[in-house]
Amino acid sequence: RIAAAATALAEVLADLDRRPERIPAARRPLAMQAEGLARIVGRLEAGAAAPPGLPALLEDMRAATLRLRAGLSAAESEALDIQVKVLAERLRQEGP
């Protein structure tokens, strides 16, 4: 489950690599999750037993990251929709 949460984070980071202007919107949740995962892995590697709530937490973290990615994608889609409307309006105003 740690791998699934880490993979979700990696996918968001890959998206942000392609669109770095979206980093400010994602910085806080990504930092919190990356730090949290690092601490969890560190404690487990140090010999800690996984508490009963860990699987649910990791699933919540993965789901939150997927929601973040979906939100970033939705923002891109909205920006594209606005751009299409603006260009269509300009073309209509200027005629053929």
PDB file of N, CA and C in Angstrom:
ATOM      1  N   ARG A   1       0.818  -1.206   0.000  1.00  0.00           N
ATOM      2  CA  ARG A   1       0.000   0.000   0.000  1.00  0.00           C
ATOM      3  C   ARG A   1       0.854   1.259   0.000  1.00  0.00           C
ATOM      4  N   ILE A   2       2.034   1.159   0.590  1.00  0.00           N
ATOM      5  CA  ILE A   2       2.946   2.304   0.544  1.00  0.00           C
ATOM      6  C   ILE A   2       3.322   2.587  -0.906  1.00  0.00           C
ATOM      7  N   ALA A   3       3.541   1.528  -1.656  1.00  0.00           N
ATOM      8  CA  ALA A   3       3.910   1.699  -3.067  1.00  0.00           C
ATOM      9  C   ALA A   3       2.787   2.382  -3.843  1.00  0.00           C
ATOM     10  N   ALA A   4       1.535   2.056  -3.557  1.00  0.00           N
ATOM     11  CA  ALA A   4       0.414   2.679  -4.265  1.00  0.00           C
ATOM     12  C   ALA A   4       0.340   4.168  -3.952  1.00  0.00           C
ATOM     13  N   ALA A   5       0.546   4.530  -2.692  1.00  0.00           N
ATOM     14  CA  ALA A   5       0.534   5.940  -2.314  1.00  0.00           C
ATOM     15  C   ALA A   5       1.709   6.671  -2.956  1.00  0.00           C
ATOM     16  N   ALA A   6       2.876   6.032  -2.966  1.00  0.00           N
ATOM     17  CA  ALA A   6       4.060   6.641  -3.576  1.00  0.00           C
ATOM     18  C   ALA A   6       3.896   6.778  -5.088  1.00  0.00           C
ATOM     19  N   THR A   7       3.284   5.799  -5.715  1.00  0.00           N
ATOM     20  CA  THR A   7       3.047   5.863  -7.161  1.00  0.00           C
ATOM     21  C   THR A   7       2.106   7.005  -7.505  1.00  0.00           C
ATOM     22  N   ALA A   8       1.068   7.174  -6.710  1.00  0.00           N
ATOM     23  CA  ALA A   8       0.135   8.283  -6.940  1.00  0.00           C
ATOM     24  C   ALA A   8       0.864   9.622  -6.837  1.00  0.00           C
ATOM     25  N   LEU A   9       1.736   9.748  -5.842  1.00  0.00           N
ATOM     26  CA  LEU A   9       2.529  10.981  -5.708  1.00  0.00           C
ATOM     27  C   LEU A   9       3.435  11.179  -6.917  1.00  0.00           C
ATOM     28  N   ALA A  10       4.059  10.114  -7.371  1.00  0.00           N
ATOM     29  CA  ALA A  10       4.956  10.204  -8.521  1.00  0.00           C
ATOM     30  C   ALA A  10       4.204  10.648  -9.774  1.00  0.00           C
ATOM     31  N   GLU A  11       2.971  10.195  -9.928  1.00  0.00           N
ATOM     32  CA  GLU A  11       2.175  10.595 -11.089  1.00  0.00           C
ATOM     33  C   GLU A  11       1.847  12.083 -11.054  1.00  0.00           C
ATOM     34  N   VAL A  12       1.529  12.593  -9.870  1.00  0.00           N
ATOM     35  CA  VAL A  12       1.268  14.031  -9.744  1.00  0.00           C
ATOM     36  C   VAL A  12       2.546  14.812 -10.046  1.00  0.00           C
ATOM     37  N   LEU A  13       3.668  14.341  -9.541  1.00  0.00           N
ATOM     38  CA  LEU A  13       4.937  15.023  -9.803  1.00  0.00           C
ATOM     39  C   LEU A  13       5.266  15.029 -11.298  1.00  0.00           C
ATOM     40  N   ALA A  14       4.974  13.936 -11.974  1.00  0.00           N
ATOM     41  CA  ALA A  14       5.200  13.884 -13.423  1.00  0.00           C
ATOM     42  C   ALA A  14       4.306  14.892 -14.136  1.00  0.00           C
ATOM     43  N   ASP A  15       3.054  14.990 -13.701  1.00  0.00           N
ATOM     44  CA  ASP A  15       2.152  15.998 -14.279  1.00  0.00           C
ATOM     45  C   ASP A  15       2.701  17.403 -14.050  1.00  0.00           C
ATOM     46  N   LEU A  16       3.188  17.649 -12.845  1.00  0.00           N
ATOM     47  CA  LEU A  16       3.711  18.978 -12.515  1.00  0.00           C
ATOM     48  C   LEU A  16       4.996  19.276 -13.267  1.00  0.00           C
ATOM     49  N   ASP A  17       5.755  18.251 -13.584  1.00  0.00           N
ATOM     50  CA  ASP A  17       6.964  18.446 -14.375  1.00  0.00           C
ATOM     51  C   ASP A  17       6.615  18.995 -15.754  1.00  0.00           C
ATOM     52  N   ARG A  18       5.474  18.540 -16.274  1.00  0.00           N
ATOM     53  CA  ARG A  18       5.021  19.023 -17.581  1.00  0.00           C
ATOM     54  C   ARG A  18       4.368  20.395 -17.482  1.00  0.00           C
ATOM     55  N   ARG A  19       3.794  20.737 -16.329  1.00  0.00           N
ATOM     56  CA  ARG A  19       3.103  22.013 -16.139  1.00  0.00           C
ATOM     57  C   ARG A  19       3.554  22.648 -14.817  1.00  0.00           C
ATOM     58  N   PRO A  20       4.792  23.143 -14.756  1.00  0.00           N
ATOM     59  CA  PRO A  20       5.326  23.646 -13.490  1.00  0.00           C
ATOM     60  C   PRO A  20       4.572  24.839 -12.907  1.00  0.00           C
ATOM     61  N   GLU A  21       3.798  25.538 -13.713  1.00  0.00           N
ATOM     62  CA  GLU A  21       3.044  26.670 -13.165  1.00  0.00           C
ATOM     63  C   GLU A  21       1.947  26.207 -12.196  1.00  0.00           C
ATOM     64  N   ARG A  22       1.650  24.924 -12.179  1.00  0.00           N
ATOM     65  CA  ARG A  22       0.646  24.373 -11.249  1.00  0.00           C
ATOM     66  C   ARG A  22       1.261  23.972  -9.906  1.00  0.00           C
ATOM     67  N   ILE A  23       2.558  24.071  -9.781  1.00  0.00           N
ATOM     68  CA  ILE A  23       3.232  23.659  -8.539  1.00  0.00           C
ATOM     69  C   ILE A  23       2.692  24.386  -7.310  1.00  0.00           C
ATOM     70  N   PRO A  24       2.505  25.704  -7.344  1.00  0.00           N
ATOM     71  CA  PRO A  24       2.006  26.363  -6.131  1.00  0.00           C
ATOM     72  C   PRO A  24       0.687  25.777  -5.610  1.00  0.00           C
ATOM     73  N   ALA A  25      -0.195  25.370  -6.486  1.00  0.00           N
ATOM     74  CA  ALA A  25      -1.473  24.810  -6.058  1.00  0.00           C
ATOM     75  C   ALA A  25      -1.316  23.436  -5.418  1.00  0.00           C
ATOM     76  N   ALA A  26      -0.252  22.737  -5.759  1.00  0.00           N
ATOM     77  CA  ALA A  26      -0.061  21.370  -5.275  1.00  0.00           C
ATOM     78  C   ALA A  26       0.990  21.254  -4.180  1.00  0.00           C
ATOM     79  N   ARG A  27       1.742  22.312  -3.954  1.00  0.00           N
ATOM     80  CA  ARG A  27       2.892  22.228  -3.055  1.00  0.00           C
ATOM     81  C   ARG A  27       2.535  21.719  -1.661  1.00  0.00           C
ATOM     82  N   ARG A  28       1.561  22.324  -1.022  1.00  0.00           N
ATOM     83  CA  ARG A  28       1.259  21.992   0.366  1.00  0.00           C
ATOM     84  C   ARG A  28       0.814  20.530   0.534  1.00  0.00           C
ATOM     85  N   PRO A  29      -0.210  20.075  -0.236  1.00  0.00           N
ATOM     86  CA  PRO A  29      -0.608  18.670  -0.040  1.00  0.00           C
ATOM     87  C   PRO A  29       0.481  17.671  -0.423  1.00  0.00           C
ATOM     88  N   LEU A  30       1.247  17.982  -1.450  1.00  0.00           N
ATOM     89  CA  LEU A  30       2.326  17.067  -1.832  1.00  0.00           C
ATOM     90  C   LEU A  30       3.411  17.004  -0.768  1.00  0.00           C
ATOM     91  N   ALA A  31       3.768  18.149  -0.224  1.00  0.00           N
ATOM     92  CA  ALA A  31       4.801  18.172   0.819  1.00  0.00           C
ATOM     93  C   ALA A  31       4.352  17.382   2.042  1.00  0.00           C
ATOM     94  N   MET A  32       3.096  17.563   2.444  1.00  0.00           N
ATOM     95  CA  MET A  32       2.586  16.856   3.610  1.00  0.00           C
ATOM     96  C   MET A  32       2.612  15.341   3.376  1.00  0.00           C
ATOM     97  N   GLN A  33       2.163  14.920   2.207  1.00  0.00           N
ATOM     98  CA  GLN A  33       2.117  13.488   1.947  1.00  0.00           C
ATOM     99  C   GLN A  33       3.508  12.893   1.765  1.00  0.00           C
ATOM    100  N   ALA A  34       4.377  13.600   1.063  1.00  0.00           N
ATOM    101  CA  ALA A  34       5.741  13.083   0.873  1.00  0.00           C
ATOM    102  C   ALA A  34       6.451  12.962   2.216  1.00  0.00           C
ATOM    103  N   GLU A  35       6.308  13.977   3.048  1.00  0.00           N
ATOM    104  CA  GLU A  35       6.936  13.923   4.371  1.00  0.00           C
ATOM    105  C   GLU A  35       6.333  12.797   5.205  1.00  0.00           C
ATOM    106  N   GLY A  36       5.019  12.669   5.157  1.00  0.00           N
ATOM    107  CA  GLY A  36       4.357  11.603   5.912  1.00  0.00           C
ATOM    108  C   GLY A  36       4.805  10.228   5.470  1.00  0.00           C
ATOM    109  N   LEU A  37       4.852  10.017   4.159  1.00  0.00           N
ATOM    110  CA  LEU A  37       5.313   8.711   3.663  1.00  0.00           C
ATOM    111  C   LEU A  37       6.756   8.438   4.065  1.00  0.00           C
ATOM    112  N   ALA A  38       7.598   9.453   3.972  1.00  0.00           N
ATOM    113  CA  ALA A  38       8.999   9.271   4.353  1.00  0.00           C
ATOM    114  C   ALA A  38       9.117   8.884   5.830  1.00  0.00           C
ATOM    115  N   ARG A  39       8.342   9.529   6.674  1.00  0.00           N
ATOM    116  CA  ARG A  39       8.385   9.194   8.104  1.00  0.00           C
ATOM    117  C   ARG A  39       7.873   7.781   8.368  1.00  0.00           C
ATOM    118  N   ILE A  40       6.782   7.416   7.698  1.00  0.00           N
ATOM    119  CA  ILE A  40       6.232   6.066   7.871  1.00  0.00           C
ATOM    120  C   ILE A  40       7.255   5.022   7.438  1.00  0.00           C
ATOM    121  N   VAL A  41       7.823   5.205   6.262  1.00  0.00           N
ATOM    122  CA  VAL A  41       8.814   4.254   5.762  1.00  0.00           C
ATOM    123  C   VAL A  41      10.006   4.193   6.714  1.00  0.00           C
ATOM    124  N   GLY A  42      10.460   5.341   7.177  1.00  0.00           N
ATOM    125  CA  GLY A  42      11.592   5.371   8.102  1.00  0.00           C
ATOM    126  C   GLY A  42      11.327   4.587   9.368  1.00  0.00           C
ATOM    127  N   ARG A  43      10.143   4.750   9.933  1.00  0.00           N
ATOM    128  CA  ARG A  43       9.803   4.022  11.168  1.00  0.00           C
ATOM    129  C   ARG A  43       9.670   2.520  10.916  1.00  0.00           C
ATOM    130  N   LEU A  44       9.055   2.180   9.787  1.00  0.00           N
ATOM    131  CA  LEU A  44       8.926   0.760   9.465  1.00  0.00           C
ATOM    132  C   LEU A  44      10.293   0.133   9.231  1.00  0.00           C
ATOM    133  N   GLU A  45      11.167   0.857   8.531  1.00  0.00           N
ATOM    134  CA  GLU A  45      12.515   0.338   8.292  1.00  0.00           C
ATOM    135  C   GLU A  45      13.306   0.230   9.581  1.00  0.00           C
ATOM    136  N   ALA A  46      12.971   1.057  10.565  1.00  0.00           N
ATOM    137  CA  ALA A  46      13.654   1.007  11.859  1.00  0.00           C
ATOM    138  C   ALA A  46      13.115  -0.105  12.745  1.00  0.00           C
ATOM    139  N   GLY A  47      12.110  -0.826  12.260  1.00  0.00           N
ATOM    140  CA  GLY A  47      11.609  -1.972  13.004  1.00  0.00           C
ATOM    141  C   GLY A  47      10.255  -1.788  13.651  1.00  0.00           C
ATOM    142  N   ALA A  48       9.613  -0.661  13.449  1.00  0.00           N
ATOM    143  CA  ALA A  48       8.293  -0.456  14.046  1.00  0.00           C
ATOM    144  C   ALA A  48       7.285  -1.413  13.423  1.00  0.00           C
ATOM    145  N   ALA A  49       6.351  -1.857  14.242  1.00  0.00           N
ATOM    146  CA  ALA A  49       5.250  -2.679  13.734  1.00  0.00           C
ATOM    147  C   ALA A  49       4.194  -1.743  13.168  1.00  0.00           C
ATOM    148  N   ALA A  50       3.637  -2.116  12.050  1.00  0.00           N
ATOM    149  CA  ALA A  50       2.601  -1.286  11.426  1.00  0.00           C
ATOM    150  C   ALA A  50       1.355  -1.270  12.302  1.00  0.00           C
ATOM    151  N   PRO A  51       0.876  -0.092  12.649  1.00  0.00           N
ATOM    152  CA  PRO A  51      -0.340  -0.023  13.466  1.00  0.00           C
ATOM    153  C   PRO A  51      -1.560  -0.432  12.630  1.00  0.00           C
ATOM    154  N   PRO A  52      -2.629  -0.830  13.289  1.00  0.00           N
ATOM    155  CA  PRO A  52      -3.816  -1.292  12.561  1.00  0.00           C
ATOM    156  C   PRO A  52      -4.382  -0.255  11.583  1.00  0.00           C
ATOM    157  N   GLY A  53      -4.251   1.012  11.884  1.00  0.00           N
ATOM    158  CA  GLY A  53      -4.823   2.051  11.033  1.00  0.00           C
ATOM    159  C   GLY A  53      -3.973   2.427   9.839  1.00  0.00           C
ATOM    160  N   LEU A  54      -2.779   1.852   9.732  1.00  0.00           N
ATOM    161  CA  LEU A  54      -1.878   2.249   8.641  1.00  0.00           C
ATOM    162  C   LEU A  54      -2.444   1.953   7.254  1.00  0.00           C
ATOM    163  N   PRO A  55      -2.990   0.772   6.995  1.00  0.00           N
ATOM    164  CA  PRO A  55      -3.524   0.538   5.649  1.00  0.00           C
ATOM    165  C   PRO A  55      -4.595   1.548   5.248  1.00  0.00           C
ATOM    166  N   ALA A  56      -5.479   1.883   6.171  1.00  0.00           N
ATOM    167  CA  ALA A  56      -6.534   2.855   5.862  1.00  0.00           C
ATOM    168  C   ALA A  56      -5.933   4.234   5.606  1.00  0.00           C
ATOM    169  N   LEU A  57      -4.938   4.620   6.388  1.00  0.00           N
ATOM    170  CA  LEU A  57      -4.278   5.909   6.182  1.00  0.00           C
ATOM    171  C   LEU A  57      -3.613   5.956   4.812  1.00  0.00           C
ATOM    172  N   LEU A  58      -2.917   4.894   4.460  1.00  0.00           N
ATOM    173  CA  LEU A  58      -2.239   4.868   3.162  1.00  0.00           C
ATOM    174  C   LEU A  58      -3.243   4.945   2.014  1.00  0.00           C
ATOM    175  N   GLU A  59      -4.376   4.277   2.161  1.00  0.00           N
ATOM    176  CA  GLU A  59      -5.420   4.365   1.134  1.00  0.00           C
ATOM    177  C   GLU A  59      -5.989   5.779   1.072  1.00  0.00           C
ATOM    178  N   ASP A  60      -6.179   6.409   2.230  1.00  0.00           N
ATOM    179  CA  ASP A  60      -6.654   7.796   2.254  1.00  0.00           C
ATOM    180  C   ASP A  60      -5.656   8.730   1.576  1.00  0.00           C
ATOM    181  N   MET A  61      -4.369   8.494   1.808  1.00  0.00           N
ATOM    182  CA  MET A  61      -3.337   9.321   1.183  1.00  0.00           C
ATOM    183  C   MET A  61      -3.343   9.135  -0.330  1.00  0.00           C
ATOM    184  N   ARG A  62      -3.474   7.880  -0.776  1.00  0.00           N
ATOM    185  CA  ARG A  62      -3.532   7.614  -2.214  1.00  0.00           C
ATOM    186  C   ARG A  62      -4.753   8.292  -2.827  1.00  0.00           C
ATOM    187  N   ALA A  63      -5.891   8.164  -2.169  1.00  0.00           N
ATOM    188  CA  ALA A  63      -7.130   8.769  -2.674  1.00  0.00           C
ATOM    189  C   ALA A  63      -7.015  10.294  -2.717  1.00  0.00           C
ATOM    190  N   ALA A  64      -6.410  10.885  -1.696  1.00  0.00           N
ATOM    191  CA  ALA A  64      -6.233  12.337  -1.678  1.00  0.00           C
ATOM    192  C   ALA A  64      -5.332  12.787  -2.820  1.00  0.00           C
ATOM    193  N   THR A  65      -4.305  12.018  -3.094  1.00  0.00           N
ATOM    194  CA  THR A  65      -3.405  12.358  -4.195  1.00  0.00           C
ATOM    195  C   THR A  65      -4.119  12.232  -5.536  1.00  0.00           C
ATOM    196  N   LEU A  66      -4.948  11.211  -5.676  1.00  0.00           N
ATOM    197  CA  LEU A  66      -5.725  11.065  -6.912  1.00  0.00           C
ATOM    198  C   LEU A  66      -6.699  12.233  -7.080  1.00  0.00           C
ATOM    199  N   ARG A  67      -7.300  12.679  -5.972  1.00  0.00           N
ATOM    200  CA  ARG A  67      -8.195  13.844  -6.050  1.00  0.00           C
ATOM    201  C   ARG A  67      -7.422  15.092  -6.434  1.00  0.00           C
ATOM    202  N   LEU A  68      -6.221  15.249  -5.895  1.00  0.00           N
ATOM    203  CA  LEU A  68      -5.378  16.392  -6.255  1.00  0.00           C
ATOM    204  C   LEU A  68      -5.073  16.357  -7.742  1.00  0.00           C
ATOM    205  N   ARG A  69      -4.695  15.201  -8.233  1.00  0.00           N
ATOM    206  CA  ARG A  69      -4.381  15.067  -9.661  1.00  0.00           C
ATOM    207  C   ARG A  69      -5.606  15.377 -10.512  1.00  0.00           C
ATOM    208  N   ALA A  70      -6.752  14.877 -10.094  1.00  0.00           N
ATOM    209  CA  ALA A  70      -7.989  15.147 -10.836  1.00  0.00           C
ATOM    210  C   ALA A  70      -8.314  16.634 -10.809  1.00  0.00           C
ATOM    211  N   GLY A  71      -8.073  17.276  -9.675  1.00  0.00           N
ATOM    212  CA  GLY A  71      -8.321  18.714  -9.584  1.00  0.00           C
ATOM    213  C   GLY A  71      -7.401  19.509 -10.490  1.00  0.00           C
ATOM    214  N   LEU A  72      -6.145  19.117 -10.540  1.00  0.00           N
ATOM    215  CA  LEU A  72      -5.201  19.795 -11.428  1.00  0.00           C
ATOM    216  C   LEU A  72      -5.602  19.588 -12.888  1.00  0.00           C
ATOM    217  N   SER A  73      -6.041  18.390 -13.206  1.00  0.00           N
ATOM    218  CA  SER A  73      -6.486  18.096 -14.568  1.00  0.00           C
ATOM    219  C   SER A  73      -7.743  18.890 -14.906  1.00  0.00           C
ATOM    220  N   ALA A  74      -8.641  18.992 -13.953  1.00  0.00           N
ATOM    221  CA  ALA A  74      -9.871  19.761 -14.178  1.00  0.00           C
ATOM    222  C   ALA A  74      -9.546  21.234 -14.417  1.00  0.00           C
ATOM    223  N   ALA A  75      -8.572  21.755 -13.692  1.00  0.00           N
ATOM    224  CA  ALA A  75      -8.164  23.148 -13.895  1.00  0.00           C
ATOM    225  C   ALA A  75      -7.605  23.342 -15.297  1.00  0.00           C
ATOM    226  N   GLU A  76      -6.847  22.379 -15.774  1.00  0.00           N
ATOM    227  CA  GLU A  76      -6.321  22.451 -17.139  1.00  0.00           C
ATOM    228  C   GLU A  76      -7.458  22.392 -18.158  1.00  0.00           C
ATOM    229  N   SER A  77      -8.412  21.520 -17.913  1.00  0.00           N
ATOM    230  CA  SER A  77      -9.558  21.400 -18.815  1.00  0.00           C
ATOM    231  C   SER A  77     -10.369  22.690 -18.840  1.00  0.00           C
ATOM    232  N   GLU A  78     -10.544  23.282 -17.681  1.00  0.00           N
ATOM    233  CA  GLU A  78     -11.276  24.553 -17.601  1.00  0.00           C
ATOM    234  C   GLU A  78     -10.531  25.652 -18.350  1.00  0.00           C
ATOM    235  N   ALA A  79      -9.220  25.691 -18.190  1.00  0.00           N
ATOM    236  CA  ALA A  79      -8.421  26.694 -18.904  1.00  0.00           C
ATOM    237  C   ALA A  79      -8.522  26.489 -20.413  1.00  0.00           C
ATOM    238  N   LEU A  80      -8.508  25.246 -20.851  1.00  0.00           N
ATOM    239  CA  LEU A  80      -8.650  24.969 -22.282  1.00  0.00           C
ATOM    240  C   LEU A  80     -10.034  25.373 -22.773  1.00  0.00           C
ATOM    241  N   ASP A  81     -11.050  25.088 -22.010  1.00  0.00           N
ATOM    242  CA  ASP A  81     -12.405  25.462 -22.386  1.00  0.00           C
ATOM    243  C   ASP A  81     -12.523  26.979 -22.555  1.00  0.00           C
ATOM    244  N   ILE A  82     -11.954  27.725 -21.636  1.00  0.00           N
ATOM    245  CA  ILE A  82     -11.975  29.184 -21.727  1.00  0.00           C
ATOM    246  C   ILE A  82     -11.226  29.647 -22.966  1.00  0.00           C
ATOM    247  N   GLN A  83     -10.069  29.048 -23.213  1.00  0.00           N
ATOM    248  CA  GLN A  83      -9.277  29.429 -24.387  1.00  0.00           C
ATOM    249  C   GLN A  83     -10.048  29.171 -25.680  1.00  0.00           C
ATOM    250  N   VAL A  84     -10.723  28.035 -25.765  1.00  0.00           N
ATOM    251  CA  VAL A  84     -11.511  27.704 -26.952  1.00  0.00           C
ATOM    252  C   VAL A  84     -12.636  28.721 -27.141  1.00  0.00           C
ATOM    253  N   LYS A  85     -13.308  29.077 -26.048  1.00  0.00           N
ATOM    254  CA  LYS A  85     -14.394  30.060 -26.142  1.00  0.00           C
ATOM    255  C   LYS A  85     -13.877  31.422 -26.590  1.00  0.00           C
ATOM    256  N   VAL A  86     -12.747  31.838 -26.040  1.00  0.00           N
ATOM    257  CA  VAL A  86     -12.167  33.128 -26.409  1.00  0.00           C
ATOM    258  C   VAL A  86     -11.779  33.137 -27.884  1.00  0.00           C
ATOM    259  N   LEU A  87     -11.111  32.086 -28.329  1.00  0.00           N
ATOM    260  CA  LEU A  87     -10.711  32.021 -29.734  1.00  0.00           C
ATOM    261  C   LEU A  87     -11.915  31.956 -30.661  1.00  0.00           C
ATOM    262  N   ALA A  88     -12.930  31.200 -30.277  1.00  0.00           N
ATOM    263  CA  ALA A  88     -14.139  31.110 -31.101  1.00  0.00           C
ATOM    264  C   ALA A  88     -14.815  32.478 -31.196  1.00  0.00           C
ATOM    265  N   GLU A  89     -14.869  33.199 -30.096  1.00  0.00           N
ATOM    266  CA  GLU A  89     -15.466  34.534 -30.097  1.00  0.00           C
ATOM    267  C   GLU A  89     -14.665  35.490 -30.968  1.00  0.00           C
ATOM    268  N   ARG A  90     -13.363  35.424 -30.897  1.00  0.00           N
ATOM    269  CA  ARG A  90     -12.511  36.286 -31.736  1.00  0.00           C
ATOM    270  C   ARG A  90     -12.717  35.989 -33.222  1.00  0.00           C
ATOM    271  N   LEU A  91     -12.765  34.714 -33.546  1.00  0.00           N
ATOM    272  CA  LEU A  91     -13.006  34.343 -34.942  1.00  0.00           C
ATOM    273  C   LEU A  91     -14.365  34.824 -35.419  1.00  0.00           C
ATOM    274  N   ARG A  92     -15.360  34.695 -34.577  1.00  0.00           N
ATOM    275  CA  ARG A  92     -16.697  35.136 -34.943  1.00  0.00           C
ATOM    276  C   ARG A  92     -16.741  36.646 -35.144  1.00  0.00           C
ATOM    277  N   GLN A  93     -16.047  37.384 -34.294  1.00  0.00           N
ATOM    278  CA  GLN A  93     -16.020  38.848 -34.412  1.00  0.00           C
ATOM    279  C   GLN A  93     -15.290  39.320 -35.648  1.00  0.00           C
ATOM    280  N   GLU A  94     -14.221  38.624 -36.007  1.00  0.00           N
ATOM    281  CA  GLU A  94     -13.426  39.049 -37.133  1.00  0.00           C
ATOM    282  C   GLU A  94     -13.950  38.526 -38.468  1.00  0.00           C
ATOM    283  N   GLY A  95     -14.845  37.554 -38.413  1.00  0.00           N
ATOM    284  CA  GLY A  95     -15.442  37.030 -39.633  1.00  0.00           C
ATOM    285  C   GLY A  95     -14.496  36.129 -40.395  1.00  0.00           C
ATOM    286  N   PRO A  96     -15.000  35.604 -41.536  1.00  0.00           N
ATOM    287  CA  PRO A  96     -14.184  34.659 -42.329  1.00  0.00           C
ATOM    288  C   PRO A  96     -13.029  35.292 -43.038  1.00  0.00           C
TER     289      PRO A  96
END
